C-alpha cells in the first residue's frame, strides 16, 4: 500500500490459500477479483497474482487480522481488537478518501451501539460511521463461504439499484465509469 491511496479495501483475514501463495483473495471460490473487475474501479481485469498493481489505481488492500485461517471461527476478540487499532493506524497513515469494509462482520467488530454491543442491523452501502474521520462503505464479504449474498441482481425497487448508488458514492474516489458488482 502507498500513501495517497484513494480507496482502502479491508478484508477480515487471509485464507489458507492466500497465505500459501502470498496474495490477497486467492481462494478458488473467492469472488473478489471478478467483482472488482465488474465494478470498473480498475480499468483492466486483475487476478490475485496482480494484487501488487492495485496502488496504480489508487486502491489499497489490507486485512483487519493478519493471521491466516480456514474461516473466521478461529479468530479471537483480542485479535479483532488489535486489528482495529492497526487498521485505524493505517487509515491515519495512508489517508484514504474512503474505507470499504469487505464484510459486515468487520463493521460489527469496529462499531458498537451506545451500550457497547455490536450493531445488529447493518446494510451494505455508505455508513454514517467514520474511521479516523474517513467515510466507511460496507460491502458483503466476497468469500465463497458467503454464498447467501447475491451479487448478480440489483434490488427490484429501482432499475439501477444499489450498484448505481454505490458508484455515485464512489465516483469522487474513482472517476472511471462504475458498475458496482456487490449489491
Protein backbone atom coordinates (compact mmCIF):
# COMPACT_ATOMS: atom_id res chain seq x y z
CA UNK A 1 0.00 0.00 0.00
CA UNK A 2 1.19 3.50 -0.79
CA UNK A 3 0.38 6.88 0.77
CA UNK A 4 -2.30 8.77 -1.14
CA UNK A 5 -4.46 5.73 -1.76
CA UNK A 6 -7.99 6.86 -2.54
CA UNK A 7 -9.85 3.71 -1.57
CA UNK A 8 -8.79 1.26 1.13
CA UNK A 9 -10.41 -2.18 0.86
CA UNK A 10 -10.38 -4.10 4.14
CA UNK A 11 -10.81 -7.87 4.41
CA UNK A 12 -11.14 -9.90 7.59
CA UNK A 13 -8.04 -12.11 7.35
CA UNK A 14 -6.19 -14.17 4.76
CA UNK A 15 -7.47 -17.61 3.92
CA UNK A 16 -5.09 -20.56 3.92
CA UNK A 17 -4.57 -20.49 0.15
CA UNK A 18 -3.93 -16.74 0.14
CA UNK A 19 -1.30 -17.23 2.83
CA UNK A 20 0.27 -20.14 0.94
CA UNK A 21 0.61 -18.23 -2.35
CA UNK A 22 1.26 -14.81 -0.79
CA UNK A 23 -1.57 -12.93 -2.49
CA UNK A 24 -4.88 -11.42 -1.36
CA UNK A 25 -8.17 -13.21 -2.11
CA UNK A 26 -6.50 -16.20 -3.82
CA UNK A 27 -9.08 -18.79 -2.75
CA UNK A 28 -10.67 -20.68 -5.64
CA UNK A 29 -14.21 -19.77 -4.59
CA UNK A 30 -13.46 -16.15 -3.71
CA UNK A 31 -15.27 -13.69 -5.97
CA UNK A 32 -13.24 -10.59 -5.06
CA UNK A 33 -11.25 -10.21 -8.29
CA UNK A 34 -14.24 -10.92 -10.53
CA UNK A 35 -16.36 -8.38 -8.66
CA UNK A 36 -13.55 -5.81 -8.66
CA UNK A 37 -13.31 -6.08 -12.45
CA UNK A 38 -17.09 -5.82 -12.86
CA UNK A 39 -17.16 -2.75 -10.64
CA UNK A 40 -14.93 -0.85 -13.09
CA UNK A 41 -12.93 0.52 -10.15
CA UNK A 42 -9.93 -0.80 -12.05
CA UNK A 43 -9.67 -0.31 -15.83
CA UNK A 44 -8.49 -3.86 -16.52
CA UNK A 45 -9.37 -7.25 -15.03
CA UNK A 46 -6.83 -8.38 -12.45
CA UNK A 47 -6.16 -11.68 -10.75
CA UNK A 48 -4.86 -12.36 -7.27
CA UNK A 49 -1.36 -12.65 -8.78
CA UNK A 50 -1.63 -8.97 -9.71
CA UNK A 51 -2.69 -7.64 -6.30
CA UNK A 52 0.52 -5.58 -6.28
CA UNK A 53 -0.97 -3.45 -9.09
CA UNK A 54 -3.85 -2.05 -7.03
CA UNK A 55 -1.89 1.08 -5.94
CA UNK A 56 -1.61 2.01 -9.66
CA UNK A 57 -5.36 2.59 -9.49
CA UNK A 58 -5.40 4.38 -6.13
CA UNK A 59 -6.56 1.30 -4.24
CA UNK A 60 -5.06 -0.17 -1.10
CA UNK A 61 -5.82 -3.61 0.26
CA UNK A 62 -5.38 -4.86 3.80
CA UNK A 63 -6.88 -7.22 6.36
CA UNK A 64 -8.04 -6.42 9.85
CA UNK A 65 -6.25 -9.57 11.12
CA UNK A 66 -3.04 -10.89 9.59
CA UNK A 67 -3.33 -14.48 10.84
CA UNK A 68 -4.41 -16.92 8.12
CA UNK A 69 -7.23 -19.32 8.88
CA UNK A 70 -9.71 -21.66 7.20
CA UNK A 71 -12.57 -19.44 8.38
CA UNK A 72 -13.33 -16.72 10.91
CA UNK A 73 -14.43 -19.08 13.69
CA UNK A 74 -10.87 -19.43 14.97
CA UNK A 75 -10.32 -15.65 15.28
CA UNK A 76 -10.47 -14.19 18.77
CA UNK A 77 -11.95 -11.00 20.18
CA UNK A 78 -8.44 -9.92 21.18
CA UNK A 79 -7.24 -10.34 17.57
CA UNK A 80 -10.11 -8.22 16.31
CA UNK A 81 -9.35 -5.52 18.92
CA UNK A 82 -5.68 -5.46 17.93
CA UNK A 83 -6.68 -5.43 14.27
CA UNK A 84 -8.94 -2.44 14.84
CA UNK A 85 -6.04 -0.47 16.30
CA UNK A 86 -3.78 -1.42 13.40
CA UNK A 87 -6.45 -0.52 10.87
CA UNK A 88 -7.00 2.87 12.46
CA UNK A 89 -3.23 3.48 12.33
CA UNK A 90 -3.19 2.57 8.62
CA UNK A 91 -6.11 4.89 7.90
CA UNK A 92 -4.31 7.74 9.67
CA UNK A 93 -1.04 6.97 7.88
CA UNK A 94 -2.34 6.45 4.33
CA UNK A 95 -5.30 8.87 4.49
CA UNK A 96 -7.67 7.20 2.01
CA UNK A 97 -10.75 9.10 0.88
CA UNK A 98 -12.92 6.09 1.69
CA UNK A 99 -12.61 2.77 3.52
CA UNK A 100 -14.61 -0.16 2.13
CA UNK A 101 -15.14 -2.98 4.60
CA UNK A 102 -15.40 -6.33 2.80
CA UNK A 103 -17.78 -7.95 5.20
CA UNK A 104 -20.47 -6.97 7.63
CA UNK A 105 -18.50 -8.91 10.27
CA UNK A 106 -15.77 -6.27 10.16
CA UNK A 107 -18.31 -3.50 10.66
CA UNK A 108 -19.72 -5.28 13.72
CA UNK A 109 -16.22 -5.54 15.17
CA UNK A 110 -15.41 -1.89 14.57
CA UNK A 111 -18.65 -0.21 15.62
CA UNK A 112 -20.98 -0.69 18.58
CA UNK A 113 -24.16 0.87 19.96
CA UNK A 114 -24.28 3.16 23.00
CA UNK A 115 -24.32 0.14 25.32
CA UNK A 116 -21.15 -1.27 23.74
CA UNK A 117 -22.94 -4.07 21.86
CA UNK A 118 -22.17 -4.87 18.22
CA UNK A 119 -24.68 -3.32 15.86
CA UNK A 120 -27.28 -5.78 14.60
CA UNK A 121 -28.93 -4.23 11.55
CA UNK A 122 -26.23 -3.44 9.08
CA UNK A 123 -26.89 -2.93 5.41
CA UNK A 124 -24.36 -2.77 2.62
CA UNK A 125 -23.68 0.76 1.46
CA UNK A 126 -22.40 4.03 2.81
CA UNK A 127 -22.34 4.08 6.61
CA UNK A 128 -22.96 7.01 8.92
CA UNK A 129 -19.84 5.94 10.84
CA UNK A 130 -16.31 7.00 10.02
CA UNK A 131 -12.92 5.55 10.82
CA UNK A 132 -10.38 8.20 11.69
CA UNK A 133 -12.67 10.73 10.01
CA UNK A 134 -12.81 8.71 6.77
CA UNK A 135 -16.19 7.58 5.36
CA UNK A 136 -16.98 3.86 5.58
CA UNK A 137 -18.62 1.82 2.84
CA UNK A 138 -19.88 -1.65 3.83
CA UNK A 139 -19.84 -4.50 1.32
CA UNK A 140 -20.70 -8.17 1.70
CA UNK A 141 -17.72 -10.44 2.08
CA UNK A 142 -16.76 -11.78 -1.39
CA UNK A 143 -15.70 -15.16 0.03
CA UNK A 144 -17.33 -18.24 -1.42
CA UNK A 145 -18.31 -19.04 2.19
CA UNK A 146 -20.65 -16.06 1.95
CA UNK A 147 -22.69 -17.77 -0.76
CA UNK A 148 -26.00 -16.41 0.57
CA UNK A 149 -25.06 -12.88 -0.62
CA UNK A 150 -26.36 -12.17 -4.11
CA UNK A 151 -24.05 -10.17 -6.32
CA UNK A 152 -25.80 -10.65 -9.63
CA UNK A 153 -29.09 -8.81 -9.14
CA UNK A 154 -29.88 -5.25 -8.21
CA UNK A 155 -32.91 -4.71 -5.98
CA UNK A 156 -36.16 -4.60 -7.91
CA UNK A 157 -37.30 -1.37 -6.28
CA UNK A 158 -35.29 0.66 -8.78
CA UNK A 159 -33.87 -0.10 -12.20
CA UNK A 160 -30.35 0.80 -11.11
CA UNK A 161 -30.42 -0.39 -7.51
CA UNK A 162 -27.53 -0.44 -5.12
CA UNK A 163 -24.91 -0.76 -7.82
CA UNK A 164 -25.52 2.71 -9.18
CA UNK A 165 -25.90 4.25 -5.72
CA UNK A 166 -22.59 2.70 -4.75
CA UNK A 167 -20.98 4.10 -7.87
CA UNK A 168 -22.42 7.52 -7.16
CA UNK A 169 -20.86 7.41 -3.69
CA UNK A 170 -17.53 6.17 -5.01
CA UNK A 171 -17.50 8.46 -8.06
CA UNK A 172 -15.49 11.08 -6.22
CA UNK A 173 -12.97 8.40 -5.29
CA UNK A 174 -12.62 6.95 -8.78
CA UNK A 175 -13.72 8.89 -11.82
CA UNK A 176 -13.98 5.91 -14.19
CA UNK A 177 -17.34 4.50 -15.23
CA UNK A 178 -18.52 2.30 -12.43
CA UNK A 179 -20.71 -0.79 -12.29
CA UNK A 180 -20.56 -1.83 -8.65
CA UNK A 181 -20.88 -5.59 -8.52
CA UNK A 182 -21.56 -6.01 -4.80
CA UNK A 183 -25.29 -5.50 -4.48
